[in-house]
PDB file of all heavy atoms in Angstrom:
ATOM      1  N   GLU A   1       0.823  -1.211   0.000  1.00  0.00           N
ATOM      2  CA  GLU A   1       0.000   0.000   0.000  1.00  0.00           C
ATOM      3  C   GLU A   1       0.854   1.257   0.000  1.00  0.00           C
ATOM      4  O   GLU A   1       0.323   2.372   0.119  1.00  0.00           O
ATOM      5  CB  GLU A   1      -0.958  -0.012   1.192  1.00  0.00           C
ATOM      6  CG  GLU A   1      -1.970  -1.151   1.121  1.00  0.00           C
ATOM      7  CD  GLU A   1      -3.092  -1.008   2.117  1.00  0.00           C
ATOM      8  OE1 GLU A   1      -2.963  -0.183   3.044  1.00  0.00           O
ATOM      9  OE2 GLU A   1      -4.104  -1.716   1.971  1.00  0.00           O
ATOM     10  N   ASN A   2       2.162   1.089  -0.135  1.00  0.00           N
ATOM     11  CA  ASN A   2       3.079   2.212  -0.240  1.00  0.00           C
ATOM     12  C   ASN A   2       4.090   1.929  -1.351  1.00  0.00           C
ATOM     13  O   ASN A   2       4.575   0.803  -1.486  1.00  0.00           O
ATOM     14  CB  ASN A   2       3.830   2.439   1.082  1.00  0.00           C
ATOM     15  CG  ASN A   2       2.915   2.903   2.194  1.00  0.00           C
ATOM     16  OD1 ASN A   2       2.638   4.082   2.333  1.00  0.00           O
ATOM     17  ND2 ASN A   2       2.423   1.950   2.987  1.00  0.00           N
ATOM     18  N   GLY A   3       4.393   2.932  -2.137  1.00  0.00           N
ATOM     19  CA  GLY A   3       5.389   2.787  -3.197  1.00  0.00           C
ATOM     20  C   GLY A   3       6.580   3.696  -2.929  1.00  0.00           C
ATOM     21  O   GLY A   3       6.407   4.854  -2.529  1.00  0.00           O
ATOM     22  N   ILE A   4       7.789   3.175  -3.146  1.00  0.00           N
ATOM     23  CA  ILE A   4       9.010   3.962  -2.947  1.00  0.00           C
ATOM     24  C   ILE A   4       9.941   3.720  -4.131  1.00  0.00           C
ATOM     25  O   ILE A   4      10.328   2.578  -4.405  1.00  0.00           O
ATOM     26  CB  ILE A   4       9.718   3.591  -1.628  1.00  0.00           C
ATOM     27  CG1 ILE A   4       8.776   3.829  -0.441  1.00  0.00           C
ATOM     28  CG2 ILE A   4      11.008   4.380  -1.459  1.00  0.00           C
ATOM     29  CD1 ILE A   4       9.350   3.386   0.900  1.00  0.00           C
ATOM     30  N   TYR A   5      10.311   4.799  -4.808  1.00  0.00           N
ATOM     31  CA  TYR A   5      11.161   4.729  -6.000  1.00  0.00           C
ATOM     32  C   TYR A   5      12.318   5.714  -5.869  1.00  0.00           C
ATOM     33  O   TYR A   5      12.138   6.848  -5.430  1.00  0.00           O
ATOM     34  CB  TYR A   5      10.342   5.078  -7.255  1.00  0.00           C
ATOM     35  CG  TYR A   5       9.387   4.001  -7.689  1.00  0.00           C
ATOM     36  CD1 TYR A   5       8.208   3.767  -6.990  1.00  0.00           C
ATOM     37  CD2 TYR A   5       9.662   3.199  -8.798  1.00  0.00           C
ATOM     38  CE1 TYR A   5       7.324   2.771  -7.383  1.00  0.00           C
ATOM     39  CE2 TYR A   5       8.787   2.201  -9.194  1.00  0.00           C
ATOM     40  CZ  TYR A   5       7.621   1.987  -8.490  1.00  0.00           C
ATOM     41  OH  TYR A   5       6.756   0.998  -8.880  1.00  0.00           O
ATOM     42  N   TRP A   6      13.500   5.276  -6.295  1.00  0.00           N
ATOM     43  CA  TRP A   6      14.681   6.138  -6.223  1.00  0.00           C
ATOM     44  C   TRP A   6      14.605   7.303  -7.205  1.00  0.00           C
ATOM     45  O   TRP A   6      14.115   7.152  -8.331  1.00  0.00           O
ATOM     46  CB  TRP A   6      15.961   5.355  -6.518  1.00  0.00           C
ATOM     47  CG  TRP A   6      16.453   4.426  -5.469  1.00  0.00           C
ATOM     48  CD1 TRP A   6      16.726   3.091  -5.624  1.00  0.00           C
ATOM     49  CD2 TRP A   6      16.785   4.740  -4.107  1.00  0.00           C
ATOM     50  NE1 TRP A   6      17.188   2.556  -4.457  1.00  0.00           N
ATOM     51  CE2 TRP A   6      17.238   3.545  -3.506  1.00  0.00           C
ATOM     52  CE3 TRP A   6      16.739   5.899  -3.343  1.00  0.00           C
ATOM     53  CZ2 TRP A   6      17.643   3.488  -2.167  1.00  0.00           C
ATOM     54  CZ3 TRP A   6      17.130   5.846  -2.006  1.00  0.00           C
ATOM     55  CH2 TRP A   6      17.586   4.651  -1.434  1.00  0.00           C
ATOM     56  N   THR A   7      15.164   8.451  -6.788  1.00  0.00           N
ATOM     57  CA  THR A   7      15.529   9.516  -7.714  1.00  0.00           C
ATOM     58  C   THR A   7      17.046   9.431  -7.894  1.00  0.00           C
ATOM     59  O   THR A   7      17.708   8.565  -7.309  1.00  0.00           O
ATOM     60  CB  THR A   7      15.175  10.911  -7.169  1.00  0.00           C
ATOM     61  OG1 THR A   7      16.103  11.288  -6.131  1.00  0.00           O
ATOM     62  CG2 THR A   7      13.751  10.943  -6.618  1.00  0.00           C
ATOM     63  N   ASN A   8      17.611  10.349  -8.657  1.00  0.00           N
ATOM     64  CA  ASN A   8      19.047  10.292  -8.951  1.00  0.00           C
ATOM     65  C   ASN A   8      19.893  11.192  -8.061  1.00  0.00           C
ATOM     66  O   ASN A   8      21.078  11.395  -8.329  1.00  0.00           O
ATOM     67  CB  ASN A   8      19.298  10.668 -10.412  1.00  0.00           C
ATOM     68  CG  ASN A   8      19.149  12.168 -10.656  1.00  0.00           C
ATOM     69  OD1 ASN A   8      18.441  12.865  -9.912  1.00  0.00           O
ATOM     70  ND2 ASN A   8      19.801  12.675 -11.680  1.00  0.00           N
ATOM     71  N   ILE A   9      19.315  11.711  -6.966  1.00  0.00           N
ATOM     72  CA  ILE A   9      20.033  12.706  -6.176  1.00  0.00           C
ATOM     73  C   ILE A   9      20.108  12.302  -4.699  1.00  0.00           C
ATOM     74  O   ILE A   9      19.206  11.639  -4.175  1.00  0.00           O
ATOM     75  CB  ILE A   9      19.362  14.086  -6.323  1.00  0.00           C
ATOM     76  CG1 ILE A   9      20.273  15.208  -5.801  1.00  0.00           C
ATOM     77  CG2 ILE A   9      18.013  14.122  -5.629  1.00  0.00           C
ATOM     78  CD1 ILE A   9      19.793  16.591  -6.171  1.00  0.00           C
ATOM     79  N   ILE A  10      21.207  12.684  -4.049  1.00  0.00           N
ATOM     80  CA  ILE A  10      21.347  12.383  -2.628  1.00  0.00           C
ATOM     81  C   ILE A  10      20.361  13.228  -1.819  1.00  0.00           C
ATOM     82  O   ILE A  10      19.782  14.188  -2.321  1.00  0.00           O
ATOM     83  CB  ILE A  10      22.792  12.601  -2.118  1.00  0.00           C
ATOM     84  CG1 ILE A  10      23.202  14.067  -2.235  1.00  0.00           C
ATOM     85  CG2 ILE A  10      23.769  11.700  -2.854  1.00  0.00           C
ATOM     86  CD1 ILE A  10      24.552  14.352  -1.566  1.00  0.00           C
ATOM     87  N   GLY A  11      20.180  12.852  -0.565  1.00  0.00           N
ATOM     88  CA  GLY A  11      19.186  13.498   0.271  1.00  0.00           C
ATOM     89  C   GLY A  11      19.443  14.984   0.499  1.00  0.00           C
ATOM     90  O   GLY A  11      20.598  15.419   0.585  1.00  0.00           O
ATOM     91  N   PHE A  12      18.368  15.735   0.604  1.00  0.00           N
ATOM     92  CA  PHE A  12      18.454  17.167   0.872  1.00  0.00           C
ATOM     93  C   PHE A  12      17.504  17.474   2.021  1.00  0.00           C
ATOM     94  O   PHE A  12      16.311  17.212   1.950  1.00  0.00           O
ATOM     95  CB  PHE A  12      18.067  17.968  -0.370  1.00  0.00           C
ATOM     96  CG  PHE A  12      18.316  19.445  -0.231  1.00  0.00           C
ATOM     97  CD1 PHE A  12      19.595  19.959  -0.382  1.00  0.00           C
ATOM     98  CD2 PHE A  12      17.269  20.308   0.051  1.00  0.00           C
ATOM     99  CE1 PHE A  12      19.829  21.323  -0.246  1.00  0.00           C
ATOM    100  CE2 PHE A  12      17.487  21.669   0.184  1.00  0.00           C
ATOM    101  CZ  PHE A  12      18.780  22.180   0.036  1.00  0.00           C
ATOM    102  N   TYR A  13      18.062  18.028   3.113  1.00  0.00           N
ATOM    103  CA  TYR A  13      17.249  18.244   4.308  1.00  0.00           C
ATOM    104  C   TYR A  13      17.750  19.470   5.056  1.00  0.00           C
ATOM    105  O   TYR A  13      18.955  19.653   5.240  1.00  0.00           O
ATOM    106  CB  TYR A  13      17.316  17.002   5.215  1.00  0.00           C
ATOM    107  CG  TYR A  13      16.494  17.114   6.469  1.00  0.00           C
ATOM    108  CD1 TYR A  13      15.102  17.180   6.402  1.00  0.00           C
ATOM    109  CD2 TYR A  13      17.104  17.144   7.725  1.00  0.00           C
ATOM    110  CE1 TYR A  13      14.336  17.272   7.557  1.00  0.00           C
ATOM    111  CE2 TYR A  13      16.343  17.237   8.885  1.00  0.00           C
ATOM    112  CZ  TYR A  13      14.959  17.310   8.794  1.00  0.00           C
ATOM    113  OH  TYR A  13      14.204  17.410   9.938  1.00  0.00           O
ATOM    114  N   MET A  14      16.820  20.302   5.468  1.00  0.00           N
ATOM    115  CA  MET A  14      17.148  21.504   6.241  1.00  0.00           C
ATOM    116  C   MET A  14      18.198  22.364   5.543  1.00  0.00           C
ATOM    117  O   MET A  14      19.133  22.875   6.159  1.00  0.00           O
ATOM    118  CB  MET A  14      17.621  21.116   7.645  1.00  0.00           C
ATOM    119  CG  MET A  14      16.595  20.374   8.482  1.00  0.00           C
ATOM    120  SD  MET A  14      15.165  21.392   8.941  1.00  0.00           S
ATOM    121  CE  MET A  14      15.914  22.450  10.191  1.00  0.00           C
ATOM    122  N   GLY A  15      18.040  22.492   4.223  1.00  0.00           N
ATOM    123  CA  GLY A  15      18.897  23.392   3.479  1.00  0.00           C
ATOM    124  C   GLY A  15      20.265  22.868   3.106  1.00  0.00           C
ATOM    125  O   GLY A  15      21.105  23.616   2.589  1.00  0.00           O
ATOM    126  N   LYS A  16      20.527  21.567   3.331  1.00  0.00           N
ATOM    127  CA  LYS A  16      21.824  21.022   2.945  1.00  0.00           C
ATOM    128  C   LYS A  16      21.690  19.563   2.527  1.00  0.00           C
ATOM    129  O   LYS A  16      20.720  18.884   2.885  1.00  0.00           O
ATOM    130  CB  LYS A  16      22.833  21.160   4.079  1.00  0.00           C
ATOM    131  CG  LYS A  16      22.505  20.349   5.322  1.00  0.00           C
ATOM    132  CD  LYS A  16      23.604  20.514   6.379  1.00  0.00           C
ATOM    133  CE  LYS A  16      23.320  19.646   7.603  1.00  0.00           C
ATOM    134  NZ  LYS A  16      24.399  19.789   8.622  1.00  0.00           N
ATOM    135  N   TYR A  17      22.690  19.101   1.769  1.00  0.00           N
ATOM    136  CA  TYR A  17      22.675  17.726   1.310  1.00  0.00           C
ATOM    137  C   TYR A  17      23.115  16.784   2.420  1.00  0.00           C
ATOM    138  O   TYR A  17      23.999  17.095   3.211  1.00  0.00           O
ATOM    139  CB  TYR A  17      23.589  17.565   0.087  1.00  0.00           C
ATOM    140  CG  TYR A  17      23.024  18.241  -1.136  1.00  0.00           C
ATOM    141  CD1 TYR A  17      23.541  19.457  -1.583  1.00  0.00           C
ATOM    142  CD2 TYR A  17      21.963  17.670  -1.840  1.00  0.00           C
ATOM    143  CE1 TYR A  17      23.001  20.093  -2.701  1.00  0.00           C
ATOM    144  CE2 TYR A  17      21.417  18.289  -2.949  1.00  0.00           C
ATOM    145  CZ  TYR A  17      21.942  19.506  -3.375  1.00  0.00           C
ATOM    146  OH  TYR A  17      21.397  20.127  -4.469  1.00  0.00           O
ATOM    147  N   ASN A  18      22.469  15.623   2.448  1.00  0.00           N
ATOM    148  CA  ASN A  18      22.740  14.602   3.461  1.00  0.00           C
ATOM    149  C   ASN A  18      23.273  13.371   2.740  1.00  0.00           C
ATOM    150  O   ASN A  18      22.500  12.592   2.169  1.00  0.00           O
ATOM    151  CB  ASN A  18      21.448  14.288   4.211  1.00  0.00           C
ATOM    152  CG  ASN A  18      21.633  13.261   5.300  1.00  0.00           C
ATOM    153  OD1 ASN A  18      22.697  12.675   5.443  1.00  0.00           O
ATOM    154  ND2 ASN A  18      20.587  13.041   6.069  1.00  0.00           N
ATOM    155  N   ALA A  19      24.580  13.182   2.743  1.00  0.00           N
ATOM    156  CA  ALA A  19      25.233  12.181   1.902  1.00  0.00           C
ATOM    157  C   ALA A  19      24.831  10.743   2.219  1.00  0.00           C
ATOM    158  O   ALA A  19      24.921   9.868   1.362  1.00  0.00           O
ATOM    159  CB  ALA A  19      26.752  12.322   2.006  1.00  0.00           C
ATOM    160  N   GLU A  20      24.378  10.461   3.428  1.00  0.00           N
ATOM    161  CA  GLU A  20      24.054   9.071   3.772  1.00  0.00           C
ATOM    162  C   GLU A  20      22.677   8.649   3.267  1.00  0.00           C
ATOM    163  O   GLU A  20      22.328   7.467   3.327  1.00  0.00           O
ATOM    164  CB  GLU A  20      24.127   8.880   5.290  1.00  0.00           C
ATOM    165  CG  GLU A  20      23.097   9.669   6.061  1.00  0.00           C
ATOM    166  CD  GLU A  20      23.388   9.708   7.555  1.00  0.00           C
ATOM    167  OE1 GLU A  20      24.564   9.615   7.938  1.00  0.00           O
ATOM    168  OE2 GLU A  20      22.419   9.824   8.320  1.00  0.00           O
ATOM    169  N   SER A  21      21.905   9.588   2.739  1.00  0.00           N
ATOM    170  CA  SER A  21      20.567   9.268   2.241  1.00  0.00           C
ATOM    171  C   SER A  21      20.418   9.710   0.790  1.00  0.00           C
ATOM    172  O   SER A  21      21.279  10.394   0.239  1.00  0.00           O
ATOM    173  CB  SER A  21      19.500   9.957   3.101  1.00  0.00           C
ATOM    174  OG  SER A  21      19.570  11.365   2.948  1.00  0.00           O
ATOM    175  N   ALA A  22      19.316   9.309   0.168  1.00  0.00           N
ATOM    176  CA  ALA A  22      18.993   9.741  -1.192  1.00  0.00           C
ATOM    177  C   ALA A  22      17.500  10.018  -1.267  1.00  0.00           C
ATOM    178  O   ALA A  22      16.701   9.467  -0.496  1.00  0.00           O
ATOM    179  CB  ALA A  22      19.381   8.685  -2.216  1.00  0.00           C
ATOM    180  N   GLU A  23      17.121  10.882  -2.206  1.00  0.00           N
ATOM    181  CA  GLU A  23      15.724  11.262  -2.365  1.00  0.00           C
ATOM    182  C   GLU A  23      14.933  10.148  -3.055  1.00  0.00           C
ATOM    183  O   GLU A  23      15.446   9.464  -3.947  1.00  0.00           O
ATOM    184  CB  GLU A  23      15.613  12.543  -3.191  1.00  0.00           C
ATOM    185  CG  GLU A  23      16.352  13.731  -2.600  1.00  0.00           C
ATOM    186  CD  GLU A  23      15.597  14.361  -1.433  1.00  0.00           C
ATOM    187  OE1 GLU A  23      14.681  15.158  -1.675  1.00  0.00           O
ATOM    188  OE2 GLU A  23      15.943  14.029  -0.277  1.00  0.00           O
ATOM    189  N   THR A  24      13.684   9.994  -2.655  1.00  0.00           N
ATOM    190  CA  THR A  24      12.806   8.990  -3.253  1.00  0.00           C
ATOM    191  C   THR A  24      11.449   9.607  -3.582  1.00  0.00           C
ATOM    192  O   THR A  24      11.023  10.591  -2.979  1.00  0.00           O
ATOM    193  CB  THR A  24      12.553   7.800  -2.302  1.00  0.00           C
ATOM    194  OG1 THR A  24      11.924   8.286  -1.105  1.00  0.00           O
ATOM    195  CG2 THR A  24      13.839   7.079  -1.959  1.00  0.00           C
ATOM    196  N   CYS A  25      10.784   9.000  -4.537  1.00  0.00           N
ATOM    197  CA  CYS A  25       9.373   9.284  -4.812  1.00  0.00           C
ATOM    198  C   CYS A  25       8.559   8.323  -3.963  1.00  0.00           C
ATOM    199  O   CYS A  25       8.788   7.111  -3.993  1.00  0.00           O
ATOM    200  CB  CYS A  25       9.076   9.060  -6.290  1.00  0.00           C
ATOM    201  SG  CYS A  25       7.360   8.600  -6.644  1.00  0.00           S
ATOM    202  N   CYS A  26       7.603   8.858  -3.210  1.00  0.00           N
ATOM    203  CA  CYS A  26       6.766   8.014  -2.358  1.00  0.00           C
ATOM    204  C   CYS A  26       5.289   8.286  -2.635  1.00  0.00           C
ATOM    205  O   CYS A  26       4.895   9.408  -2.945  1.00  0.00           O
ATOM    206  CB  CYS A  26       7.045   8.295  -0.887  1.00  0.00           C
ATOM    207  SG  CYS A  26       8.761   8.020  -0.382  1.00  0.00           S
ATOM    208  N   PHE A  27       4.476   7.252  -2.536  1.00  0.00           N
ATOM    209  CA  PHE A  27       3.029   7.417  -2.636  1.00  0.00           C
ATOM    210  C   PHE A  27       2.358   6.358  -1.777  1.00  0.00           C
ATOM    211  O   PHE A  27       2.986   5.373  -1.363  1.00  0.00           O
ATOM    212  CB  PHE A  27       2.552   7.327  -4.093  1.00  0.00           C
ATOM    213  CG  PHE A  27       2.903   6.056  -4.809  1.00  0.00           C
ATOM    214  CD1 PHE A  27       2.149   4.903  -4.635  1.00  0.00           C
ATOM    215  CD2 PHE A  27       3.995   6.008  -5.661  1.00  0.00           C
ATOM    216  CE1 PHE A  27       2.468   3.730  -5.308  1.00  0.00           C
ATOM    217  CE2 PHE A  27       4.320   4.842  -6.339  1.00  0.00           C
ATOM    218  CZ  PHE A  27       3.557   3.700  -6.160  1.00  0.00           C
ATOM    219  N   ASP A  28       1.070   6.567  -1.473  1.00  0.00           N
ATOM    220  CA  ASP A  28       0.374   5.632  -0.596  1.00  0.00           C
ATOM    221  C   ASP A  28      -1.085   5.471  -0.986  1.00  0.00           C
ATOM    222  O   ASP A  28      -1.579   6.098  -1.935  1.00  0.00           O
ATOM    223  CB  ASP A  28       0.502   6.046   0.871  1.00  0.00           C
ATOM    224  CG  ASP A  28      -0.058   7.433   1.145  1.00  0.00           C
ATOM    225  OD1 ASP A  28      -1.079   7.795   0.521  1.00  0.00           O
ATOM    226  OD2 ASP A  28       0.524   8.163   1.969  1.00  0.00           O
TER     227      ASP A  28
END
């Protein structure tokens, strides 16, 4: 009941990149 798909970019949080994570497309 939830979908998670990768994007091509590392995580971005609170105005800066977070190298240990990556952005995803999510839906429910």
